[in-house]
Amino acid sequence: MKLYLLRHAEAIERDDPRCKSDATRPLTPKGIKRAKQLAHTLRQMHVGVDLILASPLVRARDTAKIVAHGLRLPGQVEITSHLAPDGDFAALLTEINQHRPVPDQVMVVGHEPFLSELIALLCAGGELGLTLKKCGLCRLEVETLRLTRCATLEWLIGPRWIGARRANVGGHELTETRTGKS
């Protein structure tokens, strides 16, 4: 299985008067643009996804929907509380494993530090010392998805790797757009 772990794109600040709670913070225009650029780059790389699971928080849910639309995926994004900031690793893995038909490629869209901790658990059995930036994406190769070391890190890209600068990741050419400061 290819397991893609995507951190939501940039959202408005927590203290912005337009949102009533952390859970309702929408993406900024920059966040929307980055999510669209990521989807475009993944489509150019011929990345296909059978299942997208997203946190119920607006910023993650909207990031997932933008990527699904950009990848021209026929199915809906599935929302799961297991990807919320206080999510449960075991419950998330059980949900993925119980999905039928069994997906070959799964994308989960969530938050930090949950996603980095999950990557560390699956790749190293614990500590790994990485942090996904907003709209950062990681791809793992997983033989059997379980709550221990079971995955190999294939690649990890930050949001700046989407656009104009060329890079080769896993045999695929990626590009970077510089839009000023991040």
Protein backbone atom coordinates (compact mmCIF):
# COMPACT_ATOMS: atom_id res chain seq x y z
CA MET A 1 0.00 0.00 0.00
CA LYS A 2 1.08 3.56 -0.70
CA LEU A 3 0.11 5.72 2.27
CA TYR A 4 0.13 9.48 1.72
CA LEU A 5 0.08 11.72 4.80
CA LEU A 6 -0.85 15.32 4.05
CA ARG A 7 -0.95 18.17 6.50
CA HIS A 8 -3.71 20.67 5.84
CA ALA A 9 -2.88 23.85 3.94
CA GLU A 10 -2.52 27.27 5.58
CA ALA A 11 -5.62 28.44 7.48
CA ILE A 12 -6.60 31.77 9.00
CA GLU A 13 -5.19 32.51 12.44
CA ARG A 14 -6.87 31.18 15.57
CA ASP A 15 -7.65 34.66 16.87
CA ASP A 16 -9.26 35.83 13.60
CA PRO A 17 -12.72 37.23 14.40
CA ARG A 18 -14.22 35.48 11.34
CA CYS A 19 -14.06 32.05 12.98
CA LYS A 20 -15.90 30.93 16.08
CA SER A 21 -13.56 28.08 16.99
CA ASP A 22 -10.35 26.35 15.98
CA ALA A 23 -12.39 23.65 14.25
CA THR A 24 -14.02 26.16 11.89
CA ARG A 25 -10.88 27.95 10.65
CA PRO A 26 -11.00 28.07 6.81
CA LEU A 27 -8.06 28.02 4.44
CA THR A 28 -6.43 31.29 3.42
CA PRO A 29 -6.21 32.19 -0.28
CA LYS A 30 -2.54 31.12 -0.11
CA GLY A 31 -3.57 27.80 1.44
CA ILE A 32 -6.13 27.18 -1.31
CA LYS A 33 -3.52 28.01 -3.95
CA ARG A 34 -0.94 25.66 -2.43
CA ALA A 35 -3.45 22.80 -2.17
CA LYS A 36 -4.37 23.28 -5.85
CA GLN A 37 -0.70 23.37 -6.84
CA LEU A 38 -0.07 20.17 -4.90
CA ALA A 39 -3.01 18.42 -6.60
CA HIS A 40 -1.74 19.56 -10.01
CA THR A 41 1.77 18.29 -9.29
CA LEU A 42 0.45 14.94 -8.04
CA ARG A 43 -1.68 14.59 -11.18
CA GLN A 44 1.41 15.28 -13.32
CA MET A 45 3.19 12.53 -11.37
CA HIS A 46 0.28 10.19 -12.17
CA VAL A 47 -0.45 9.69 -8.49
CA GLY A 48 -3.77 7.95 -7.98
CA VAL A 49 -5.54 7.56 -4.67
CA ASP A 50 -8.25 5.01 -3.90
CA LEU A 51 -9.31 6.51 -0.57
CA ILE A 52 -8.98 9.92 1.05
CA LEU A 53 -9.66 10.23 4.77
CA ALA A 54 -9.72 13.68 6.37
CA SER A 55 -10.01 15.25 9.77
CA PRO A 56 -13.41 16.81 10.48
CA LEU A 57 -11.80 20.23 11.04
CA VAL A 58 -12.65 22.62 8.20
CA ARG A 59 -9.06 23.34 7.12
CA ALA A 60 -8.19 19.64 6.70
CA ARG A 61 -11.52 18.73 5.15
CA ASP A 62 -11.23 21.56 2.60
CA THR A 63 -7.61 20.67 1.78
CA ALA A 64 -8.69 17.07 1.13
CA LYS A 65 -11.56 18.19 -1.11
CA ILE A 66 -9.28 20.45 -3.17
CA VAL A 67 -6.76 17.64 -3.66
CA ALA A 68 -9.49 15.10 -4.51
CA HIS A 69 -10.97 17.49 -7.07
CA GLY A 70 -7.55 18.28 -8.54
CA LEU A 71 -6.75 14.57 -8.85
CA ARG A 72 -10.16 14.08 -10.51
CA LEU A 73 -11.11 11.40 -8.03
CA PRO A 74 -14.63 10.06 -8.42
CA GLY A 75 -15.35 9.31 -4.75
CA GLN A 76 -16.07 11.56 -1.83
CA VAL A 77 -13.59 12.47 0.86
CA GLU A 78 -14.39 10.42 3.95
CA ILE A 79 -14.33 12.30 7.24
CA THR A 80 -12.98 10.57 10.34
CA SER A 81 -12.58 11.83 13.87
CA HIS A 82 -9.48 9.62 14.12
CA LEU A 83 -7.57 12.31 12.17
CA ALA A 84 -8.58 15.18 14.46
CA PRO A 85 -5.71 16.75 16.43
CA ASP A 86 -6.52 14.41 19.34
CA GLY A 87 -7.03 11.43 17.03
CA ASP A 88 -6.30 7.80 17.74
CA PHE A 89 -3.57 6.00 15.75
CA ALA A 90 -4.95 2.50 16.38
CA ALA A 91 -8.49 3.46 15.43
CA LEU A 92 -7.27 5.18 12.25
CA LEU A 93 -5.25 2.16 11.14
CA THR A 94 -8.19 -0.14 11.92
CA GLU A 95 -10.47 2.08 9.81
CA ILE A 96 -8.05 1.95 6.87
CA ASN A 97 -7.55 -1.81 7.19
CA GLN A 98 -11.29 -2.50 7.36
CA HIS A 99 -12.10 -0.43 4.28
CA ARG A 100 -13.54 -2.48 1.40
CA PRO A 101 -12.47 -2.85 -1.27
CA VAL A 102 -8.95 -2.85 0.15
CA PRO A 103 -7.30 0.35 -1.11
CA ASP A 104 -3.87 0.25 -2.77
CA GLN A 105 -3.29 3.98 -2.26
CA VAL A 106 -4.63 5.92 0.72
CA MET A 107 -4.29 9.60 1.56
CA VAL A 108 -4.93 10.90 5.07
CA VAL A 109 -5.27 14.64 5.63
CA GLY A 110 -4.80 15.93 9.14
CA HIS A 111 -2.77 17.97 11.60
CA GLU A 112 0.52 18.28 13.44
CA PRO A 113 1.91 16.79 15.57
CA PHE A 114 -0.42 13.81 14.94
CA LEU A 115 0.82 13.13 11.40
CA SER A 116 4.54 13.37 12.19
CA GLU A 117 4.09 11.12 15.20
CA LEU A 118 2.24 8.60 13.00
CA ILE A 119 5.04 8.70 10.41
CA ALA A 120 7.60 8.13 13.17
CA LEU A 121 5.62 5.21 14.58
CA LEU A 122 5.15 3.51 11.21
CA CYS A 123 8.72 4.10 9.95
CA ALA A 124 10.83 3.87 13.10
CA GLY A 125 8.61 2.45 15.81
CA GLY A 126 8.78 5.74 17.72
CA GLU A 127 10.86 8.93 17.57
CA LEU A 128 11.92 10.27 14.18
CA GLY A 129 12.27 14.03 14.62
CA LEU A 130 10.31 15.37 11.68
CA THR A 131 7.53 17.91 11.29
CA LEU A 132 5.27 18.26 8.27
CA LYS A 133 4.87 21.85 7.15
CA LYS A 134 1.44 23.08 6.13
CA CYS A 135 0.54 21.36 2.85
CA GLY A 136 3.56 19.06 3.33
CA LEU A 137 3.18 15.53 2.00
CA CYS A 138 4.82 12.23 2.87
CA ARG A 139 4.57 8.93 1.01
CA LEU A 140 5.14 5.64 2.78
CA GLU A 141 5.33 2.14 1.35
CA VAL A 142 3.50 -0.24 3.68
CA GLU A 143 3.46 -4.02 3.38
CA THR A 144 0.97 -4.65 6.20
CA LEU A 145 -0.46 -1.61 8.01
CA ARG A 146 -0.14 -2.11 11.76
CA LEU A 147 0.57 -0.10 14.91
CA THR A 148 4.34 -0.58 14.85
CA ARG A 149 7.27 -0.22 12.49
CA CYS A 150 5.81 -1.40 9.18
CA ALA A 151 6.58 1.29 6.59
CA THR A 152 9.38 2.67 4.48
CA LEU A 153 9.58 6.41 3.87
CA GLU A 154 9.61 6.86 0.08
CA TRP A 155 9.53 10.65 0.01
CA LEU A 156 8.68 13.75 1.96
CA ILE A 157 7.99 17.11 0.33
CA GLY A 158 7.32 20.54 1.73
CA PRO A 159 4.95 23.04 0.16
CA ARG A 160 7.81 24.90 -1.54
CA TRP A 161 8.52 21.85 -3.73
CA ILE A 162 5.34 22.53 -5.69
CA GLY A 163 5.73 24.72 -8.79
CA ALA A 164 8.87 25.96 -10.66
CA ARG A 165 12.16 24.50 -9.29
CA ARG A 166 12.84 20.99 -10.60
CA ALA A 167 13.53 18.11 -8.28
CA ASN A 168 13.46 14.35 -8.63
CA VAL A 169 11.54 12.51 -5.92
CA GLY A 170 11.06 8.77 -6.17
CA GLY A 171 11.69 8.82 -9.90
CA HIS A 172 9.18 11.63 -10.43
CA GLU A 173 10.07 15.17 -11.35
CA LEU A 174 8.69 17.77 -8.96
CA THR A 175 8.83 21.54 -9.24
CA GLU A 176 8.77 24.46 -6.84
CA THR A 177 6.94 27.78 -7.03
CA ARG A 178 8.44 30.59 -5.04
CA THR A 179 5.63 32.87 -3.91
CA GLY A 180 7.68 34.90 -1.49
CA LYS A 181 8.06 34.14 2.20
CA SER A 182 6.42 31.05 3.69
